[in-house]
Amino acid sequence: MWRHVRLITLILLLSVGLAACSSQELPGGCPPSCSGLYLYQYKLNNANLAGADLSKADLTRATLVNANLSGADLRGAIMPYTDLEGANFTNADLSGADLKFAKLKGADLTGANLEGASLLSATYRPSTRWPEGFNYRGAGAVLLPTD
């Protein structure tokens, strides 16, 4: 009986510890070269990936809250369901990126290249900053209701 209680306690402590992680270690060489990496569900909150090559990287369901991706190469990146709240994408290249259902609340996409990017059901708030002249609603982005 007590062995089961200890085992359950250990599992719960590990779960809480993993959930509290704000960031994970990236594979060697990344950044700057992260092209094509499989980073599914990575926690990269507050990560500095400015200027990194993340082209064709799989960031599905990753968490990049407040990450710095300014000037990053994200051409063809796979990012559905990714949490990008408050992320800095200024002057980043997101052409052809898959951002379906991504959370873009408060993200800064000023000067970013979003040509051919899929924003189907990506959510944003009025605080989200878009490239000048970019039709984010036409690209499928959806305004979140206010709290």
N, C-alpha and C. Protein backbone atom coordinates (compact mmCIF):
# COMPACT_ATOMS: atom_id res chain seq x y z
N MET A 1 0.82 -1.19 0.00
CA MET A 1 0.00 0.00 0.00
C MET A 1 0.87 1.26 0.00
N TRP A 2 1.85 1.31 0.95
CA TRP A 2 2.68 2.51 1.05
C TRP A 2 3.56 2.69 -0.17
N ARG A 3 3.95 1.58 -0.80
CA ARG A 3 4.75 1.67 -2.02
C ARG A 3 3.95 2.36 -3.12
N HIS A 4 2.67 2.05 -3.20
CA HIS A 4 1.81 2.69 -4.20
C HIS A 4 1.66 4.18 -3.92
N VAL A 5 1.50 4.54 -2.65
CA VAL A 5 1.37 5.95 -2.28
C VAL A 5 2.64 6.70 -2.63
N ARG A 6 3.81 6.10 -2.32
CA ARG A 6 5.08 6.75 -2.65
C ARG A 6 5.25 6.89 -4.15
N LEU A 7 4.87 5.87 -4.89
CA LEU A 7 5.00 5.91 -6.34
C LEU A 7 4.09 7.00 -6.93
N ILE A 8 2.87 7.08 -6.46
CA ILE A 8 1.94 8.10 -6.94
C ILE A 8 2.46 9.49 -6.58
N THR A 9 2.99 9.65 -5.37
CA THR A 9 3.55 10.94 -4.95
C THR A 9 4.71 11.33 -5.85
N LEU A 10 5.59 10.39 -6.16
CA LEU A 10 6.72 10.66 -7.04
C LEU A 10 6.26 11.07 -8.43
N ILE A 11 5.28 10.37 -8.96
CA ILE A 11 4.74 10.69 -10.28
C ILE A 11 4.14 12.10 -10.28
N LEU A 12 3.40 12.44 -9.25
CA LEU A 12 2.80 13.78 -9.16
C LEU A 12 3.87 14.86 -9.07
N LEU A 13 4.91 14.64 -8.28
CA LEU A 13 5.99 15.61 -8.16
C LEU A 13 6.71 15.81 -9.49
N LEU A 14 6.96 14.73 -10.20
CA LEU A 14 7.60 14.84 -11.51
C LEU A 14 6.71 15.58 -12.49
N SER A 15 5.42 15.31 -12.45
CA SER A 15 4.49 16.00 -13.36
C SER A 15 4.47 17.48 -13.09
N VAL A 16 4.42 17.87 -11.83
CA VAL A 16 4.41 19.29 -11.47
C VAL A 16 5.72 19.93 -11.90
N GLY A 17 6.83 19.26 -11.69
CA GLY A 17 8.13 19.78 -12.09
C GLY A 17 8.23 19.98 -13.59
N LEU A 18 7.75 19.04 -14.37
CA LEU A 18 7.79 19.18 -15.82
C LEU A 18 6.87 20.28 -16.30
N ALA A 19 5.70 20.40 -15.69
CA ALA A 19 4.76 21.44 -16.10
C ALA A 19 5.31 22.83 -15.79
N ALA A 20 6.11 22.92 -14.74
CA ALA A 20 6.64 24.22 -14.34
C ALA A 20 7.83 24.67 -15.19
N CYS A 21 8.39 23.76 -15.99
CA CYS A 21 9.54 24.13 -16.83
C CYS A 21 9.18 25.30 -17.72
N SER A 22 10.00 26.32 -17.71
CA SER A 22 9.74 27.45 -18.59
C SER A 22 10.49 27.30 -19.89
N SER A 23 11.49 26.43 -19.92
CA SER A 23 12.27 26.27 -21.14
C SER A 23 12.97 24.92 -21.13
N GLN A 24 13.21 24.40 -22.32
CA GLN A 24 13.93 23.15 -22.47
C GLN A 24 15.23 23.42 -23.22
N GLU A 25 16.18 22.54 -23.04
CA GLU A 25 17.44 22.64 -23.77
C GLU A 25 17.20 22.27 -25.23
N LEU A 26 17.75 23.06 -26.11
CA LEU A 26 17.65 22.78 -27.54
C LEU A 26 18.79 21.86 -27.94
N PRO A 27 18.60 21.09 -29.03
CA PRO A 27 19.68 20.22 -29.50
C PRO A 27 20.94 21.04 -29.83
N GLY A 28 22.09 20.41 -29.75
CA GLY A 28 23.36 21.07 -30.05
C GLY A 28 23.35 21.75 -31.41
N GLY A 29 23.94 22.93 -31.49
CA GLY A 29 23.99 23.69 -32.73
C GLY A 29 22.78 24.57 -32.98
N CYS A 30 21.77 24.42 -32.14
CA CYS A 30 20.54 25.21 -32.28
C CYS A 30 20.40 26.10 -31.06
N PRO A 31 20.31 27.39 -31.18
CA PRO A 31 20.57 28.15 -32.39
C PRO A 31 22.06 28.21 -32.69
N PRO A 32 22.46 28.62 -33.84
CA PRO A 32 21.68 29.30 -34.86
C PRO A 32 21.02 28.36 -35.87
N SER A 33 21.54 27.13 -36.02
CA SER A 33 20.99 26.25 -37.05
C SER A 33 20.01 25.24 -36.45
N CYS A 34 18.72 25.49 -36.66
CA CYS A 34 17.66 24.63 -36.13
C CYS A 34 16.78 24.11 -37.26
N SER A 35 17.24 24.27 -38.48
CA SER A 35 16.44 23.92 -39.66
C SER A 35 16.04 22.45 -39.65
N GLY A 36 14.74 22.21 -39.84
CA GLY A 36 14.21 20.86 -39.96
C GLY A 36 14.13 20.07 -38.66
N LEU A 37 14.43 20.68 -37.54
CA LEU A 37 14.40 19.94 -36.26
C LEU A 37 12.97 19.62 -35.84
N TYR A 38 12.81 18.51 -35.15
CA TYR A 38 11.53 18.08 -34.60
C TYR A 38 11.48 18.59 -33.15
N LEU A 39 10.73 19.66 -32.93
CA LEU A 39 10.65 20.30 -31.62
C LEU A 39 9.21 20.26 -31.10
N TYR A 40 8.52 19.16 -31.35
CA TYR A 40 7.13 18.96 -30.94
C TYR A 40 7.00 19.16 -29.43
N GLN A 41 6.09 20.03 -29.05
CA GLN A 41 5.74 20.34 -27.66
C GLN A 41 6.91 20.88 -26.83
N TYR A 42 7.93 21.40 -27.47
CA TYR A 42 9.04 21.99 -26.72
C TYR A 42 8.55 23.21 -25.95
N LYS A 43 9.08 23.42 -24.77
CA LYS A 43 8.79 24.61 -23.97
C LYS A 43 9.98 25.54 -24.14
N LEU A 44 9.75 26.63 -24.86
CA LEU A 44 10.81 27.59 -25.15
C LEU A 44 10.41 29.00 -24.74
N ASN A 45 9.73 29.11 -23.61
CA ASN A 45 9.31 30.42 -23.12
C ASN A 45 10.53 31.30 -22.88
N ASN A 46 10.44 32.55 -23.30
CA ASN A 46 11.49 33.55 -23.13
C ASN A 46 12.80 33.21 -23.83
N ALA A 47 12.77 32.24 -24.75
CA ALA A 47 13.99 31.84 -25.46
C ALA A 47 14.44 32.94 -26.41
N ASN A 48 15.74 33.10 -26.55
CA ASN A 48 16.29 34.06 -27.51
C ASN A 48 16.70 33.29 -28.76
N LEU A 49 15.84 33.34 -29.77
CA LEU A 49 16.09 32.68 -31.05
C LEU A 49 16.20 33.71 -32.16
N ALA A 50 16.61 34.91 -31.80
CA ALA A 50 16.75 35.99 -32.78
C ALA A 50 17.74 35.57 -33.86
N GLY A 51 17.31 35.69 -35.12
CA GLY A 51 18.16 35.38 -36.25
C GLY A 51 18.38 33.90 -36.50
N ALA A 52 17.76 33.02 -35.72
CA ALA A 52 17.96 31.57 -35.87
C ALA A 52 17.32 31.05 -37.15
N ASP A 53 17.89 29.98 -37.69
CA ASP A 53 17.31 29.30 -38.85
C ASP A 53 16.43 28.17 -38.35
N LEU A 54 15.13 28.41 -38.35
CA LEU A 54 14.13 27.42 -37.95
C LEU A 54 13.30 27.00 -39.15
N SER A 55 13.84 27.17 -40.34
CA SER A 55 13.09 26.80 -41.54
C SER A 55 12.77 25.31 -41.51
N LYS A 56 11.54 25.01 -41.85
CA LYS A 56 11.01 23.65 -41.90
C LYS A 56 11.08 22.90 -40.56
N ALA A 57 11.30 23.62 -39.46
CA ALA A 57 11.29 22.98 -38.13
C ALA A 57 9.85 22.66 -37.75
N ASP A 58 9.65 21.56 -37.03
CA ASP A 58 8.33 21.18 -36.55
C ASP A 58 8.19 21.62 -35.11
N LEU A 59 7.42 22.70 -34.92
CA LEU A 59 7.18 23.28 -33.60
C LEU A 59 5.72 23.07 -33.18
N THR A 60 5.10 22.02 -33.69
CA THR A 60 3.71 21.73 -33.36
C THR A 60 3.52 21.68 -31.85
N ARG A 61 2.52 22.42 -31.36
CA ARG A 61 2.14 22.46 -29.95
C ARG A 61 3.28 22.92 -29.02
N ALA A 62 4.28 23.58 -29.58
CA ALA A 62 5.35 24.12 -28.74
C ALA A 62 4.85 25.36 -28.01
N THR A 63 5.58 25.76 -26.98
CA THR A 63 5.26 26.94 -26.21
C THR A 63 6.43 27.91 -26.32
N LEU A 64 6.19 29.05 -26.96
CA LEU A 64 7.22 30.06 -27.15
C LEU A 64 6.73 31.41 -26.62
N VAL A 65 6.13 31.39 -25.45
CA VAL A 65 5.60 32.61 -24.84
C VAL A 65 6.76 33.59 -24.59
N ASN A 66 6.58 34.81 -25.09
CA ASN A 66 7.57 35.89 -24.94
C ASN A 66 8.94 35.56 -25.53
N ALA A 67 8.99 34.63 -26.48
CA ALA A 67 10.26 34.28 -27.13
C ALA A 67 10.67 35.38 -28.11
N ASN A 68 11.97 35.56 -28.28
CA ASN A 68 12.49 36.51 -29.25
C ASN A 68 12.87 35.76 -30.52
N LEU A 69 12.07 35.94 -31.57
CA LEU A 69 12.31 35.32 -32.87
C LEU A 69 12.52 36.40 -33.93
N SER A 70 12.96 37.57 -33.50
CA SER A 70 13.15 38.66 -34.45
C SER A 70 14.22 38.27 -35.48
N GLY A 71 13.90 38.52 -36.73
CA GLY A 71 14.83 38.22 -37.82
C GLY A 71 15.05 36.74 -38.07
N ALA A 72 14.28 35.87 -37.43
CA ALA A 72 14.45 34.42 -37.59
C ALA A 72 13.92 33.96 -38.95
N ASP A 73 14.51 32.88 -39.45
CA ASP A 73 14.07 32.25 -40.69
C ASP A 73 13.14 31.11 -40.31
N LEU A 74 11.84 31.32 -40.51
CA LEU A 74 10.82 30.33 -40.19
C LEU A 74 10.08 29.90 -41.46
N ARG A 75 10.77 29.99 -42.60
CA ARG A 75 10.13 29.59 -43.86
C ARG A 75 9.72 28.12 -43.80
N GLY A 76 8.43 27.88 -44.07
CA GLY A 76 7.93 26.51 -44.09
C GLY A 76 7.88 25.84 -42.73
N ALA A 77 8.02 26.59 -41.65
CA ALA A 77 7.95 26.00 -40.30
C ALA A 77 6.56 25.46 -40.03
N ILE A 78 6.49 24.40 -39.27
CA ILE A 78 5.23 23.74 -38.93
C ILE A 78 4.92 24.13 -37.49
N MET A 79 3.88 24.98 -37.31
CA MET A 79 3.61 25.55 -36.00
C MET A 79 2.14 25.52 -35.60
N PRO A 80 1.36 24.50 -35.98
CA PRO A 80 -0.04 24.51 -35.55
C PRO A 80 -0.15 24.31 -34.04
N TYR A 81 -1.14 24.97 -33.46
CA TYR A 81 -1.45 24.89 -32.03
C TYR A 81 -0.29 25.38 -31.15
N THR A 82 0.62 26.15 -31.71
CA THR A 82 1.75 26.66 -30.95
C THR A 82 1.35 27.91 -30.19
N ASP A 83 1.81 28.01 -28.94
CA ASP A 83 1.51 29.19 -28.12
C ASP A 83 2.62 30.21 -28.32
N LEU A 84 2.29 31.28 -29.03
CA LEU A 84 3.24 32.33 -29.38
C LEU A 84 2.88 33.66 -28.70
N GLU A 85 2.20 33.58 -27.57
CA GLU A 85 1.76 34.78 -26.88
C GLU A 85 2.95 35.67 -26.54
N GLY A 86 2.86 36.92 -26.98
CA GLY A 86 3.90 37.90 -26.68
C GLY A 86 5.22 37.69 -27.41
N ALA A 87 5.26 36.76 -28.36
CA ALA A 87 6.51 36.49 -29.08
C ALA A 87 6.87 37.64 -30.01
N ASN A 88 8.16 37.86 -30.19
CA ASN A 88 8.67 38.93 -31.05
C ASN A 88 9.11 38.32 -32.39
N PHE A 89 8.36 38.62 -33.44
CA PHE A 89 8.66 38.14 -34.79
C PHE A 89 9.06 39.29 -35.71
N THR A 90 9.49 40.40 -35.17
CA THR A 90 9.81 41.53 -36.04
C THR A 90 10.84 41.12 -37.08
N ASN A 91 10.52 41.44 -38.33
CA ASN A 91 11.37 41.17 -39.49
C ASN A 91 11.71 39.69 -39.68
N ALA A 92 10.92 38.79 -39.13
CA ALA A 92 11.12 37.35 -39.32
C ALA A 92 10.51 36.93 -40.65
N ASP A 93 11.02 35.84 -41.22
CA ASP A 93 10.48 35.30 -42.46
C ASP A 93 9.63 34.07 -42.13
N LEU A 94 8.31 34.24 -42.19
CA LEU A 94 7.36 33.17 -41.92
C LEU A 94 6.65 32.73 -43.20
N SER A 95 7.27 32.99 -44.33
CA SER A 95 6.62 32.64 -45.59
C SER A 95 6.41 31.12 -45.66
N GLY A 96 5.19 30.74 -46.02
CA GLY A 96 4.83 29.33 -46.14
C GLY A 96 4.72 28.59 -44.82
N ALA A 97 4.77 29.30 -43.70
CA ALA A 97 4.67 28.65 -42.38
C ALA A 97 3.23 28.22 -42.11
N ASP A 98 3.08 27.13 -41.37
CA ASP A 98 1.77 26.62 -40.96
C ASP A 98 1.52 27.09 -39.53
N LEU A 99 0.65 28.10 -39.39
CA LEU A 99 0.31 28.68 -38.09
C LEU A 99 -1.15 28.41 -37.73
N LYS A 100 -1.71 27.33 -38.26
CA LYS A 100 -3.11 27.02 -37.97
C LYS A 100 -3.31 26.84 -36.47
N PHE A 101 -4.34 27.49 -35.96
CA PHE A 101 -4.74 27.41 -34.55
C PHE A 101 -3.65 27.91 -33.59
N ALA A 102 -2.65 28.62 -34.08
CA ALA A 102 -1.61 29.18 -33.21
C ALA A 102 -2.20 30.29 -32.36
N LYS A 103 -1.63 30.50 -31.20
CA LYS A 103 -2.06 31.57 -30.30
C LYS A 103 -1.10 32.74 -30.47
N LEU A 104 -1.60 33.82 -31.06
CA LEU A 104 -0.76 34.98 -31.36
C LEU A 104 -1.11 36.19 -30.49
N LYS A 105 -1.68 35.95 -29.34
CA LYS A 105 -2.09 37.02 -28.44
C LYS A 105 -0.88 37.89 -28.08
N GLY A 106 -0.94 39.15 -28.48
CA GLY A 106 0.11 40.10 -28.14
C GLY A 106 1.43 39.90 -28.88
N ALA A 107 1.46 39.04 -29.89
CA ALA A 107 2.70 38.83 -30.65
C ALA A 107 3.00 40.05 -31.51
N ASP A 108 4.27 40.29 -31.79
CA ASP A 108 4.70 41.40 -32.63
C ASP A 108 5.24 40.84 -33.94
N LEU A 109 4.45 41.01 -35.01
CA LEU A 109 4.83 40.52 -36.33
C LEU A 109 5.19 41.68 -37.26
N THR A 110 5.55 42.82 -36.70
CA THR A 110 5.90 43.99 -37.48
C THR A 110 7.04 43.67 -38.44
N GLY A 111 6.83 43.93 -39.71
CA GLY A 111 7.86 43.72 -40.72
C GLY A 111 8.09 42.27 -41.10
N ALA A 112 7.30 41.35 -40.53
CA ALA A 112 7.46 39.92 -40.85
C ALA A 112 6.92 39.61 -42.24
N ASN A 113 7.51 38.61 -42.89
CA ASN A 113 7.03 38.13 -44.18
C ASN A 113 6.10 36.95 -43.92
N LEU A 114 4.81 37.13 -44.20
CA LEU A 114 3.81 36.09 -43.99
C LEU A 114 3.23 35.59 -45.30
N GLU A 115 3.94 35.81 -46.40
CA GLU A 115 3.46 35.39 -47.71
C GLU A 115 3.27 33.87 -47.74
N GLY A 116 2.05 33.44 -48.05
CA GLY A 116 1.73 32.02 -48.15
C GLY A 116 1.61 31.30 -46.82
N ALA A 117 1.68 32.04 -45.71
CA ALA A 117 1.52 31.41 -44.39
C ALA A 117 0.05 31.08 -44.16
N SER A 118 -0.21 29.97 -43.49
CA SER A 118 -1.57 29.58 -43.16
C SER A 118 -1.89 30.01 -41.74
N LEU A 119 -2.88 30.88 -41.60
CA LEU A 119 -3.30 31.38 -40.30
C LEU A 119 -4.72 30.94 -39.96
N LEU A 120 -5.17 29.86 -40.57
CA LEU A 120 -6.52 29.36 -40.35
C LEU A 120 -6.79 29.16 -38.86
N SER A 121 -7.74 29.89 -38.33
CA SER A 121 -8.15 29.84 -36.93
C SER A 121 -7.05 30.19 -35.93
N ALA A 122 -5.99 30.84 -36.38
CA ALA A 122 -4.99 31.37 -35.44
C ALA A 122 -5.68 32.49 -34.67
N THR A 123 -5.47 32.55 -33.37
CA THR A 123 -6.15 33.54 -32.55
C THR A 123 -5.22 34.70 -32.21
N TYR A 124 -5.83 35.89 -32.13
CA TYR A 124 -5.06 37.10 -31.82
C TYR A 124 -5.91 38.03 -30.96
N ARG A 125 -5.29 39.03 -30.41
CA ARG A 125 -5.95 40.08 -29.65
C ARG A 125 -5.65 41.41 -30.33
N PRO A 126 -6.38 42.47 -29.98
CA PRO A 126 -6.07 43.78 -30.55
C PRO A 126 -4.62 44.20 -30.32
N SER A 127 -3.98 43.68 -29.28
CA SER A 127 -2.58 44.02 -28.99
C SER A 127 -1.58 43.35 -29.94
N THR A 128 -2.04 42.38 -30.73
CA THR A 128 -1.16 41.72 -31.70
C THR A 128 -0.81 42.72 -32.79
N ARG A 129 0.46 42.82 -33.14
CA ARG A 129 0.89 43.76 -34.18
C ARG A 129 1.24 42.97 -35.44
N TRP A 130 0.64 43.41 -36.55
CA TRP A 130 0.77 42.74 -37.84
C TRP A 130 1.64 43.56 -38.79
N PRO A 131 2.18 42.92 -39.83
CA PRO A 131 2.92 43.68 -40.84
C PRO A 131 1.98 44.67 -41.53
N GLU A 132 2.49 45.82 -41.86
CA GLU A 132 1.69 46.84 -42.52
C GLU A 132 1.08 46.29 -43.81
N GLY A 133 -0.24 46.48 -43.95
CA GLY A 133 -0.95 46.07 -45.15
C GLY A 133 -1.30 44.59 -45.22
N PHE A 134 -0.92 43.80 -44.22
CA PHE A 134 -1.22 42.36 -44.25
C PHE A 134 -2.66 42.12 -43.83
N ASN A 135 -3.39 41.33 -44.63
CA ASN A 135 -4.80 41.03 -44.36
C ASN A 135 -4.88 39.77 -43.49
N TYR A 136 -4.67 39.92 -42.20
CA TYR A 136 -4.66 38.77 -41.29
C TYR A 136 -6.02 38.10 -41.17
N ARG A 137 -7.09 38.89 -41.23
CA ARG A 137 -8.43 38.28 -41.20
C ARG A 137 -8.68 37.47 -42.46
N GLY A 138 -8.26 38.00 -43.58
CA GLY A 138 -8.39 37.27 -44.85
C GLY A 138 -7.57 36.00 -44.87
N ALA A 139 -6.47 35.98 -44.08
CA ALA A 139 -5.61 34.79 -43.99
C ALA A 139 -6.17 33.77 -43.01
N GLY A 140 -7.28 34.11 -42.33
CA GLY A 140 -7.93 33.14 -41.46
C GLY A 140 -7.78 33.38 -39.97
N ALA A 141 -7.07 34.45 -39.56
CA ALA A 141 -6.89 34.72 -38.13
C ALA A 141 -8.22 35.15 -37.50
N VAL A 142 -8.41 34.79 -36.25
CA VAL A 142 -9.66 35.03 -35.55
C VAL A 142 -9.40 35.84 -34.28
N LEU A 143 -10.15 36.94 -34.13
CA LEU A 143 -10.02 37.78 -32.94
C LEU A 143 -10.63 37.06 -31.74
N LEU A 144 -9.87 36.97 -30.64
CA LEU A 144 -10.38 36.38 -29.41
C LEU A 144 -11.36 37.34 -28.75
N PRO A 145 -12.43 36.83 -28.15
CA PRO A 145 -13.32 37.71 -27.41
C PRO A 145 -12.59 38.26 -26.18
N THR A 146 -13.01 39.42 -25.73
CA THR A 146 -12.37 40.01 -24.55
C THR A 146 -12.71 39.18 -23.31
N ASP A 147 -11.81 39.25 -22.33
CA ASP A 147 -11.99 38.46 -21.09
C ASP A 147 -13.18 38.90 -20.31
